[in-house]
Amino acid sequence: MTEQSDRLIRRATIAASAGLVLMVLATMGYIMWPRFAVSMGVRAASTPPYVAGQKIDVPSAWYTESPHTLIVFARASCAACEKAQPFLKQLVQHMNGRGVPMMAHPPGAPEEDAIFARTLGVAPEHIKMTTEGLRVRATPTIVLVDWQGRVVNAWEGATKPEDRLAMIAAVDALVR
């Protein structure tokens, strides 16, 4: 009996050690993944699809009307857009008179999306009913462009309350 119990204890010790090693490796992988991903050229999910300085791939009529255009990619059926609606409305109102706020949305429910855009304060002539062919991975995505279509700044996803103040400050600093 003692030989059999010694064998069971030894096996349990080996199994526990292997489990501990796997937990340590999994934890290290979780901690190190962002650094590894960046070194391999993988973009973090929160990185906007448009980077400052590059030209946005929308028709020039979208941005040549004003020195700055704020393009909000959103949809009425998007839970994150609905949650961010008060902030998006504040941001659109903040841009009025300083630039052109515009909304573009993926194909789907054009009437609902147009109503959603109007509740944000976007003028009917600035509601674009497509994002086809654009680099929009998530809604809401907000892109600020200059009159040449160059991206000044971009934000993707529903921002946290503390990030919203920083976004308005960034718009203030860039759009005078």
N, C-alpha and C. Protein backbone atom coordinates (compact mmCIF):
# COMPACT_ATOMS: atom_id res chain seq x y z
N MET A 1 0.80 -1.19 0.00
CA MET A 1 0.00 0.00 0.00
C MET A 1 0.85 1.27 0.00
N THR A 2 1.90 1.29 0.73
CA THR A 2 2.71 2.49 0.79
C THR A 2 3.38 2.77 -0.55
N GLU A 3 3.78 1.69 -1.26
CA GLU A 3 4.39 1.90 -2.57
C GLU A 3 3.37 2.50 -3.55
N GLN A 4 2.14 2.00 -3.49
CA GLN A 4 1.08 2.51 -4.37
C GLN A 4 0.73 3.94 -4.00
N SER A 5 0.64 4.26 -2.73
CA SER A 5 0.33 5.64 -2.31
C SER A 5 1.48 6.58 -2.65
N ASP A 6 2.73 6.09 -2.55
CA ASP A 6 3.87 6.93 -2.95
C ASP A 6 3.80 7.26 -4.44
N ARG A 7 3.42 6.25 -5.25
CA ARG A 7 3.28 6.47 -6.68
C ARG A 7 2.18 7.49 -6.98
N LEU A 8 1.05 7.40 -6.29
CA LEU A 8 -0.04 8.35 -6.48
C LEU A 8 0.37 9.76 -6.06
N ILE A 9 1.09 9.87 -4.97
CA ILE A 9 1.56 11.19 -4.51
C ILE A 9 2.53 11.78 -5.53
N ARG A 10 3.44 10.92 -6.06
CA ARG A 10 4.40 11.39 -7.06
C ARG A 10 3.67 11.88 -8.32
N ARG A 11 2.68 11.13 -8.78
CA ARG A 11 1.90 11.53 -9.96
C ARG A 11 1.13 12.82 -9.70
N ALA A 12 0.55 12.95 -8.54
CA ALA A 12 -0.18 14.16 -8.19
C ALA A 12 0.76 15.36 -8.14
N THR A 13 1.95 15.17 -7.61
CA THR A 13 2.95 16.24 -7.55
C THR A 13 3.36 16.67 -8.95
N ILE A 14 3.58 15.69 -9.83
CA ILE A 14 3.96 16.01 -11.22
C ILE A 14 2.82 16.75 -11.92
N ALA A 15 1.59 16.28 -11.73
CA ALA A 15 0.44 16.93 -12.36
C ALA A 15 0.26 18.36 -11.83
N ALA A 16 0.44 18.55 -10.54
CA ALA A 16 0.31 19.89 -9.96
C ALA A 16 1.41 20.80 -10.47
N SER A 17 2.62 20.29 -10.59
CA SER A 17 3.73 21.08 -11.11
C SER A 17 3.49 21.47 -12.56
N ALA A 18 3.01 20.52 -13.35
CA ALA A 18 2.72 20.81 -14.76
C ALA A 18 1.61 21.85 -14.87
N GLY A 19 0.59 21.73 -14.03
CA GLY A 19 -0.49 22.72 -14.02
C GLY A 19 0.01 24.10 -13.66
N LEU A 20 0.91 24.16 -12.68
CA LEU A 20 1.48 25.44 -12.25
C LEU A 20 2.31 26.06 -13.38
N VAL A 21 3.10 25.23 -14.06
CA VAL A 21 3.90 25.72 -15.18
C VAL A 21 3.00 26.26 -16.28
N LEU A 22 1.93 25.54 -16.60
CA LEU A 22 0.99 26.01 -17.62
C LEU A 22 0.33 27.32 -17.23
N MET A 23 -0.03 27.47 -15.96
CA MET A 23 -0.64 28.73 -15.50
C MET A 23 0.34 29.88 -15.62
N VAL A 24 1.61 29.65 -15.26
CA VAL A 24 2.63 30.70 -15.37
C VAL A 24 2.83 31.08 -16.83
N LEU A 25 2.92 30.09 -17.71
CA LEU A 25 3.08 30.37 -19.14
C LEU A 25 1.90 31.13 -19.72
N ALA A 26 0.69 30.73 -19.32
CA ALA A 26 -0.51 31.43 -19.81
C ALA A 26 -0.53 32.88 -19.32
N THR A 27 -0.16 33.10 -18.07
CA THR A 27 -0.12 34.46 -17.53
C THR A 27 0.93 35.30 -18.25
N MET A 28 2.10 34.73 -18.48
CA MET A 28 3.16 35.46 -19.20
C MET A 28 2.72 35.77 -20.62
N GLY A 29 2.05 34.81 -21.27
CA GLY A 29 1.55 35.05 -22.63
C GLY A 29 0.54 36.17 -22.66
N TYR A 30 -0.34 36.21 -21.67
CA TYR A 30 -1.36 37.26 -21.58
C TYR A 30 -0.71 38.62 -21.39
N ILE A 31 0.31 38.67 -20.56
CA ILE A 31 1.00 39.94 -20.28
C ILE A 31 1.86 40.36 -21.47
N MET A 32 2.53 39.43 -22.10
CA MET A 32 3.48 39.77 -23.16
C MET A 32 2.83 39.87 -24.54
N TRP A 33 1.59 39.40 -24.73
CA TRP A 33 0.98 39.39 -26.06
C TRP A 33 0.97 40.76 -26.73
N PRO A 34 0.57 41.84 -26.05
CA PRO A 34 0.56 43.14 -26.75
C PRO A 34 1.92 43.52 -27.31
N ARG A 35 2.99 43.29 -26.56
CA ARG A 35 4.33 43.62 -27.06
C ARG A 35 4.70 42.74 -28.24
N PHE A 36 4.40 41.47 -28.13
CA PHE A 36 4.69 40.54 -29.22
C PHE A 36 3.90 40.91 -30.47
N ALA A 37 2.62 41.21 -30.29
CA ALA A 37 1.76 41.54 -31.42
C ALA A 37 2.27 42.78 -32.15
N VAL A 38 2.68 43.81 -31.40
CA VAL A 38 3.19 45.03 -32.01
C VAL A 38 4.48 44.73 -32.77
N SER A 39 5.36 43.91 -32.18
CA SER A 39 6.62 43.58 -32.85
C SER A 39 6.38 42.78 -34.14
N MET A 40 5.27 42.06 -34.20
CA MET A 40 4.94 41.29 -35.40
C MET A 40 4.09 42.09 -36.38
N GLY A 41 3.78 43.35 -36.05
CA GLY A 41 3.02 44.19 -36.95
C GLY A 41 1.52 44.06 -36.82
N VAL A 42 1.03 43.40 -35.77
CA VAL A 42 -0.40 43.26 -35.55
C VAL A 42 -0.89 44.51 -34.83
N ARG A 43 -1.95 45.13 -35.35
CA ARG A 43 -2.50 46.33 -34.75
C ARG A 43 -3.43 45.97 -33.62
N ALA A 44 -3.39 46.76 -32.55
CA ALA A 44 -4.33 46.56 -31.45
C ALA A 44 -5.73 46.89 -31.93
N ALA A 45 -6.73 46.26 -31.36
CA ALA A 45 -8.11 46.46 -31.79
C ALA A 45 -8.58 47.90 -31.61
N SER A 46 -8.01 48.61 -30.64
CA SER A 46 -8.46 49.97 -30.38
C SER A 46 -7.77 51.00 -31.28
N THR A 47 -6.81 50.58 -32.09
CA THR A 47 -6.14 51.50 -32.99
C THR A 47 -7.09 51.84 -34.13
N PRO A 48 -7.36 53.14 -34.34
CA PRO A 48 -8.28 53.52 -35.41
C PRO A 48 -7.77 53.07 -36.78
N PRO A 49 -8.71 52.82 -37.70
CA PRO A 49 -8.29 52.37 -39.04
C PRO A 49 -7.66 53.49 -39.84
N TYR A 50 -7.85 54.72 -39.43
CA TYR A 50 -7.26 55.86 -40.12
C TYR A 50 -6.23 56.51 -39.20
N VAL A 51 -5.06 56.80 -39.76
CA VAL A 51 -3.96 57.36 -38.99
C VAL A 51 -3.73 58.81 -39.42
N ALA A 52 -3.39 59.66 -38.47
CA ALA A 52 -3.16 61.07 -38.76
C ALA A 52 -2.15 61.23 -39.90
N GLY A 53 -2.49 62.11 -40.84
CA GLY A 53 -1.62 62.40 -41.96
C GLY A 53 -1.97 61.66 -43.24
N GLN A 54 -2.64 60.52 -43.12
CA GLN A 54 -2.99 59.80 -44.34
C GLN A 54 -4.30 60.34 -44.91
N LYS A 55 -4.48 60.13 -46.19
CA LYS A 55 -5.70 60.62 -46.86
C LYS A 55 -6.83 59.62 -46.63
N ILE A 56 -7.99 60.15 -46.30
CA ILE A 56 -9.15 59.30 -46.08
C ILE A 56 -9.74 58.90 -47.42
N ASP A 57 -10.29 57.70 -47.48
CA ASP A 57 -10.81 57.20 -48.76
C ASP A 57 -12.31 57.42 -48.88
N VAL A 58 -12.70 58.70 -48.86
CA VAL A 58 -14.09 59.09 -49.09
C VAL A 58 -14.10 60.07 -50.26
N PRO A 59 -15.24 60.28 -50.91
CA PRO A 59 -15.30 61.26 -52.00
C PRO A 59 -14.89 62.65 -51.52
N SER A 60 -14.20 63.40 -52.35
CA SER A 60 -13.71 64.72 -51.96
C SER A 60 -14.83 65.69 -51.61
N ALA A 61 -16.02 65.47 -52.14
CA ALA A 61 -17.16 66.35 -51.80
C ALA A 61 -17.49 66.26 -50.32
N TRP A 62 -17.06 65.21 -49.65
CA TRP A 62 -17.33 65.06 -48.22
C TRP A 62 -16.54 66.05 -47.37
N TYR A 63 -15.36 66.48 -47.84
CA TYR A 63 -14.49 67.28 -46.97
C TYR A 63 -14.04 68.62 -47.55
N THR A 64 -14.29 68.94 -48.79
CA THR A 64 -13.80 70.19 -49.38
C THR A 64 -14.65 71.40 -49.03
N GLU A 65 -15.79 71.20 -48.42
CA GLU A 65 -16.73 72.27 -48.09
C GLU A 65 -16.24 73.15 -46.94
N SER A 66 -15.36 72.63 -46.11
CA SER A 66 -14.96 73.32 -44.89
C SER A 66 -13.50 73.02 -44.57
N PRO A 67 -12.85 73.89 -43.77
CA PRO A 67 -11.46 73.60 -43.38
C PRO A 67 -11.34 72.28 -42.59
N HIS A 68 -12.39 71.92 -41.84
CA HIS A 68 -12.38 70.67 -41.08
C HIS A 68 -13.75 70.00 -41.17
N THR A 69 -13.72 68.69 -41.30
CA THR A 69 -14.94 67.91 -41.34
C THR A 69 -14.82 66.78 -40.33
N LEU A 70 -15.85 66.63 -39.54
CA LEU A 70 -15.91 65.54 -38.57
C LEU A 70 -16.85 64.49 -39.14
N ILE A 71 -16.32 63.32 -39.45
CA ILE A 71 -17.14 62.25 -40.02
C ILE A 71 -17.40 61.22 -38.93
N VAL A 72 -18.67 61.01 -38.63
CA VAL A 72 -19.07 60.02 -37.64
C VAL A 72 -19.63 58.82 -38.39
N PHE A 73 -18.98 57.70 -38.26
CA PHE A 73 -19.48 56.45 -38.84
C PHE A 73 -20.28 55.75 -37.74
N ALA A 74 -21.59 55.69 -37.91
CA ALA A 74 -22.46 55.12 -36.87
C ALA A 74 -23.70 54.55 -37.50
N ARG A 75 -24.48 53.84 -36.69
CA ARG A 75 -25.76 53.28 -37.15
C ARG A 75 -26.72 53.22 -35.99
N ALA A 76 -28.00 53.29 -36.31
CA ALA A 76 -29.04 53.29 -35.28
C ALA A 76 -29.12 51.97 -34.54
N SER A 77 -28.85 50.86 -35.22
CA SER A 77 -28.98 49.55 -34.60
C SER A 77 -27.74 49.12 -33.81
N CYS A 78 -26.79 50.00 -33.66
CA CYS A 78 -25.53 49.70 -32.96
C CYS A 78 -25.69 50.06 -31.48
N ALA A 79 -25.52 49.08 -30.60
CA ALA A 79 -25.68 49.31 -29.16
C ALA A 79 -24.65 50.33 -28.65
N ALA A 80 -23.42 50.25 -29.14
CA ALA A 80 -22.39 51.19 -28.71
C ALA A 80 -22.71 52.61 -29.19
N CYS A 81 -23.27 52.72 -30.40
CA CYS A 81 -23.65 54.04 -30.93
C CYS A 81 -24.78 54.63 -30.10
N GLU A 82 -25.74 53.79 -29.77
CA GLU A 82 -26.87 54.25 -28.97
C GLU A 82 -26.40 54.71 -27.59
N LYS A 83 -25.48 53.95 -27.02
CA LYS A 83 -24.94 54.32 -25.70
C LYS A 83 -24.15 55.63 -25.79
N ALA A 84 -23.44 55.81 -26.89
CA ALA A 84 -22.62 57.02 -27.07
C ALA A 84 -23.40 58.19 -27.65
N GLN A 85 -24.69 58.01 -27.93
CA GLN A 85 -25.49 59.03 -28.60
C GLN A 85 -25.42 60.41 -27.92
N PRO A 86 -25.56 60.52 -26.60
CA PRO A 86 -25.47 61.86 -25.99
C PRO A 86 -24.12 62.53 -26.27
N PHE A 87 -23.04 61.76 -26.20
CA PHE A 87 -21.73 62.33 -26.47
C PHE A 87 -21.58 62.68 -27.94
N LEU A 88 -22.03 61.80 -28.83
CA LEU A 88 -21.95 62.09 -30.27
C LEU A 88 -22.72 63.36 -30.60
N LYS A 89 -23.87 63.54 -29.98
CA LYS A 89 -24.68 64.75 -30.20
C LYS A 89 -23.90 65.98 -29.71
N GLN A 90 -23.28 65.86 -28.54
CA GLN A 90 -22.48 66.96 -28.00
C GLN A 90 -21.32 67.29 -28.93
N LEU A 91 -20.66 66.26 -29.45
CA LEU A 91 -19.53 66.47 -30.35
C LEU A 91 -19.96 67.13 -31.66
N VAL A 92 -21.08 66.67 -32.23
CA VAL A 92 -21.60 67.26 -33.47
C VAL A 92 -21.96 68.73 -33.23
N GLN A 93 -22.64 69.02 -32.12
CA GLN A 93 -23.00 70.41 -31.80
C GLN A 93 -21.75 71.25 -31.58
N HIS A 94 -20.73 70.66 -31.01
CA HIS A 94 -19.47 71.35 -30.77
C HIS A 94 -18.79 71.72 -32.10
N MET A 95 -18.97 70.89 -33.12
CA MET A 95 -18.37 71.16 -34.43
C MET A 95 -19.17 72.17 -35.24
N ASN A 96 -20.48 72.27 -35.04
CA ASN A 96 -21.30 73.20 -35.83
C ASN A 96 -20.74 74.61 -35.74
N GLY A 97 -20.57 75.24 -36.89
CA GLY A 97 -20.03 76.60 -36.94
C GLY A 97 -18.51 76.62 -36.98
N ARG A 98 -17.88 75.52 -36.67
CA ARG A 98 -16.41 75.45 -36.67
C ARG A 98 -15.91 74.52 -37.77
N GLY A 99 -16.82 73.77 -38.31
CA GLY A 99 -16.50 72.79 -39.34
C GLY A 99 -17.79 72.09 -39.71
N VAL A 100 -17.69 71.08 -40.51
CA VAL A 100 -18.89 70.37 -40.95
C VAL A 100 -18.96 69.02 -40.24
N PRO A 101 -20.02 68.81 -39.46
CA PRO A 101 -20.23 67.46 -38.93
C PRO A 101 -21.00 66.64 -39.97
N MET A 102 -20.60 65.42 -40.16
CA MET A 102 -21.18 64.57 -41.18
C MET A 102 -21.35 63.18 -40.61
N MET A 103 -22.33 62.45 -41.08
CA MET A 103 -22.49 61.07 -40.63
C MET A 103 -22.58 60.15 -41.82
N ALA A 104 -21.87 59.04 -41.74
CA ALA A 104 -21.96 57.99 -42.76
C ALA A 104 -22.30 56.71 -42.01
N HIS A 105 -23.07 55.86 -42.64
CA HIS A 105 -23.43 54.62 -41.97
C HIS A 105 -23.44 53.47 -42.95
N PRO A 106 -23.22 52.26 -42.42
CA PRO A 106 -23.23 51.07 -43.28
C PRO A 106 -24.61 50.85 -43.88
N PRO A 107 -24.66 50.21 -45.04
CA PRO A 107 -25.97 49.90 -45.62
C PRO A 107 -26.78 49.03 -44.65
N GLY A 108 -28.06 49.21 -44.67
CA GLY A 108 -28.90 48.41 -43.78
C GLY A 108 -30.27 49.02 -43.63
N ALA A 109 -30.41 49.93 -42.68
CA ALA A 109 -31.70 50.56 -42.39
C ALA A 109 -31.57 52.06 -42.60
N PRO A 110 -31.61 52.54 -43.85
CA PRO A 110 -31.35 53.95 -44.12
C PRO A 110 -32.29 54.92 -43.41
N GLU A 111 -33.56 54.58 -43.29
CA GLU A 111 -34.50 55.49 -42.63
C GLU A 111 -34.18 55.64 -41.15
N GLU A 112 -33.94 54.52 -40.48
CA GLU A 112 -33.60 54.58 -39.05
C GLU A 112 -32.28 55.31 -38.84
N ASP A 113 -31.30 55.04 -39.70
CA ASP A 113 -29.99 55.69 -39.57
C ASP A 113 -30.08 57.19 -39.84
N ALA A 114 -30.91 57.59 -40.81
CA ALA A 114 -31.09 59.01 -41.09
C ALA A 114 -31.75 59.71 -39.90
N ILE A 115 -32.71 59.06 -39.28
CA ILE A 115 -33.35 59.62 -38.08
C ILE A 115 -32.32 59.75 -36.96
N PHE A 116 -31.50 58.71 -36.78
CA PHE A 116 -30.45 58.74 -35.77
C PHE A 116 -29.49 59.90 -36.02
N ALA A 117 -29.09 60.10 -37.28
CA ALA A 117 -28.18 61.19 -37.63
C ALA A 117 -28.80 62.55 -37.34
N ARG A 118 -30.09 62.69 -37.65
CA ARG A 118 -30.77 63.97 -37.37
C ARG A 118 -30.86 64.23 -35.87
N THR A 119 -31.05 63.17 -35.06
CA THR A 119 -31.09 63.39 -33.60
C THR A 119 -29.73 63.84 -33.08
N LEU A 120 -28.67 63.53 -33.81
CA LEU A 120 -27.34 64.00 -33.42
C LEU A 120 -27.12 65.45 -33.82
N GLY A 121 -27.96 65.96 -34.73
CA GLY A 121 -27.80 67.33 -35.20
C GLY A 121 -27.11 67.43 -36.53
N VAL A 122 -26.97 66.32 -37.24
CA VAL A 122 -26.34 66.34 -38.56
C VAL A 122 -27.38 66.80 -39.58
N ALA A 123 -26.99 67.76 -40.40
CA ALA A 123 -27.90 68.28 -41.43
C ALA A 123 -28.18 67.19 -42.46
N PRO A 124 -29.41 67.16 -42.99
CA PRO A 124 -29.78 66.10 -43.96
C PRO A 124 -28.82 65.99 -45.14
N GLU A 125 -28.30 67.11 -45.62
CA GLU A 125 -27.39 67.05 -46.77
C GLU A 125 -26.02 66.46 -46.41
N HIS A 126 -25.75 66.31 -45.12
CA HIS A 126 -24.48 65.75 -44.67
C HIS A 126 -24.60 64.31 -44.16
N ILE A 127 -25.71 63.68 -44.46
CA ILE A 127 -25.89 62.28 -44.08
C ILE A 127 -25.59 61.42 -45.30
N LYS A 128 -24.58 60.61 -45.21
CA LYS A 128 -24.16 59.75 -46.32
C LYS A 128 -24.61 58.33 -46.01
N MET A 129 -25.25 57.72 -46.96
CA MET A 129 -25.87 56.42 -46.72
C MET A 129 -24.98 55.23 -47.08
N THR A 130 -23.69 55.37 -46.95
CA THR A 130 -22.83 54.23 -47.24
C THR A 130 -21.49 54.36 -46.52
N THR A 131 -20.91 53.25 -46.19
CA THR A 131 -19.52 53.18 -45.75
C THR A 131 -18.81 52.11 -46.57
N GLU A 132 -19.47 51.67 -47.62
CA GLU A 132 -18.91 50.60 -48.45
C GLU A 132 -17.55 51.00 -49.00
N GLY A 133 -16.60 50.11 -48.86
CA GLY A 133 -15.25 50.36 -49.35
C GLY A 133 -14.39 51.18 -48.41
N LEU A 134 -14.95 51.63 -47.32
CA LEU A 134 -14.18 52.43 -46.37
C LEU A 134 -13.57 51.52 -45.30
N ARG A 135 -12.53 52.00 -44.65
CA ARG A 135 -11.86 51.20 -43.62
C ARG A 135 -12.50 51.43 -42.26
N VAL A 136 -13.71 51.01 -42.11
CA VAL A 136 -14.42 51.15 -40.84
C VAL A 136 -14.70 49.76 -40.31
N ARG A 137 -14.06 49.43 -39.18
CA ARG A 137 -14.21 48.09 -38.61
C ARG A 137 -15.29 48.04 -37.54
N ALA A 138 -15.57 49.17 -36.93
CA ALA A 138 -16.53 49.20 -35.82
C ALA A 138 -17.25 50.53 -35.82
N THR A 139 -18.45 50.52 -35.27
CA THR A 139 -19.17 51.77 -35.10
C THR A 139 -19.37 51.97 -33.61
N PRO A 140 -19.28 53.17 -33.11
CA PRO A 140 -18.95 54.39 -33.86
C PRO A 140 -17.45 54.54 -34.10
N THR A 141 -17.11 55.09 -35.24
CA THR A 141 -15.75 55.52 -35.56
C THR A 141 -15.87 56.99 -35.93
N ILE A 142 -14.99 57.80 -35.38
CA ILE A 142 -15.04 59.25 -35.60
C ILE A 142 -13.71 59.67 -36.22
N VAL A 143 -13.78 60.37 -37.35
CA VAL A 143 -12.58 60.80 -38.05
C VAL A 143 -12.68 62.30 -38.32
N LEU A 144 -11.66 63.03 -37.92
CA LEU A 144 -11.57 64.47 -38.19
C LEU A 144 -10.59 64.66 -39.34
N VAL A 145 -11.05 65.27 -40.44
CA VAL A 145 -10.19 65.48 -41.60
C VAL A 145 -10.12 66.97 -41.95
N ASP A 146 -9.04 67.36 -42.65
CA ASP A 146 -8.91 68.74 -43.11
C ASP A 146 -9.52 68.88 -44.50
N TRP A 147 -9.42 70.06 -45.09
CA TRP A 147 -10.05 70.34 -46.37
C TRP A 147 -9.43 69.57 -47.53
N GLN A 148 -8.24 68.97 -47.31
CA GLN A 148 -7.59 68.16 -48.34
C GLN A 148 -7.88 66.67 -48.16
N GLY A 149 -8.66 66.32 -47.15
CA GLY A 149 -8.98 64.92 -46.91
C GLY A 149 -7.93 64.19 -46.11
N ARG A 150 -7.00 64.93 -45.50
CA ARG A 150 -5.98 64.32 -44.66
C ARG A 150 -6.54 64.14 -43.25
N VAL A 151 -6.32 62.96 -42.69
CA VAL A 151 -6.80 62.67 -41.34
C VAL A 151 -6.01 63.49 -40.33
N VAL A 152 -6.75 64.21 -39.49
CA VAL A 152 -6.13 64.99 -38.42
C VAL A 152 -6.09 64.13 -37.15
N ASN A 153 -7.20 63.43 -36.89
CA ASN A 153 -7.27 62.54 -35.73
C ASN A 153 -8.42 61.56 -35.97
N ALA A 154 -8.36 60.41 -35.32
CA ALA A 154 -9.42 59.40 -35.47
C ALA A 154 -9.60 58.64 -34.17
N TRP A 155 -10.84 58.26 -33.91
CA TRP A 155 -11.18 57.50 -32.71
C TRP A 155 -12.11 56.37 -33.11
N GLU A 156 -11.94 55.21 -32.52
CA GLU A 156 -12.79 54.07 -32.87
C GLU A 156 -13.47 53.53 -31.61
N GLY A 157 -14.74 53.20 -31.76
CA GLY A 157 -15.49 52.60 -30.66
C GLY A 157 -16.08 53.64 -29.73
N ALA A 158 -16.94 53.18 -28.85
CA ALA A 158 -17.55 54.08 -27.86
C ALA A 158 -16.48 54.44 -26.84
N THR A 159 -16.21 55.70 -26.72
CA THR A 159 -15.14 56.13 -25.83
C THR A 159 -15.60 56.14 -24.38
N LYS A 160 -14.65 56.00 -23.49
CA LYS A 160 -14.93 56.07 -22.06
C LYS A 160 -15.18 57.53 -21.70
N PRO A 161 -15.95 57.77 -20.63
CA PRO A 161 -16.25 59.17 -20.25
C PRO A 161 -15.00 60.04 -20.09
N GLU A 162 -13.95 59.49 -19.52
CA GLU A 162 -12.74 60.30 -19.33
C GLU A 162 -12.04 60.59 -20.65
N ASP A 163 -12.22 59.71 -21.66
CA ASP A 163 -11.62 59.95 -22.97
C ASP A 163 -12.41 60.97 -23.77
N ARG A 164 -13.68 61.13 -23.46
CA ARG A 164 -14.53 62.06 -24.21
C ARG A 164 -14.07 63.50 -24.03
N LEU A 165 -13.68 63.87 -22.82
CA LEU A 165 -13.17 65.22 -22.58
C LEU A 165 -11.89 65.45 -23.36
N ALA A 166 -11.05 64.44 -23.41
CA ALA A 166 -9.80 64.54 -24.17
C ALA A 166 -10.09 64.69 -25.66
N MET A 167 -11.14 64.01 -26.14
CA MET A 167 -11.51 64.11 -27.55
C MET A 167 -11.99 65.52 -27.89
N ILE A 168 -12.83 66.08 -27.04
CA ILE A 168 -13.32 67.45 -27.27
C ILE A 168 -12.16 68.44 -27.19
N ALA A 169 -11.23 68.22 -26.26
CA ALA A 169 -10.06 69.10 -26.15
C ALA A 169 -9.21 68.99 -27.41
N ALA A 170 -9.08 67.78 -27.97
CA ALA A 170 -8.30 67.58 -29.20
C ALA A 170 -8.97 68.30 -30.36
N VAL A 171 -10.29 68.21 -30.45
CA VAL A 171 -11.02 68.92 -31.51
C VAL A 171 -10.83 70.43 -31.33
N ASP A 172 -10.93 70.92 -30.09
CA ASP A 172 -10.73 72.34 -29.82
C ASP A 172 -9.35 72.81 -30.25
N ALA A 173 -8.34 72.00 -29.96
CA ALA A 173 -6.96 72.38 -30.29
C ALA A 173 -6.72 72.38 -31.80
N LEU A 174 -7.41 71.52 -32.51
CA LEU A 174 -7.18 71.39 -33.95
C LEU A 174 -8.08 72.25 -34.80
N VAL A 175 -9.30 72.49 -34.32
CA VAL A 175 -10.28 73.23 -35.11
C VAL A 175 -10.52 74.58 -34.44
N ARG A 176 -10.14 75.62 -35.10
CA ARG A 176 -10.30 76.98 -34.52
C ARG A 176 -11.28 77.78 -35.35
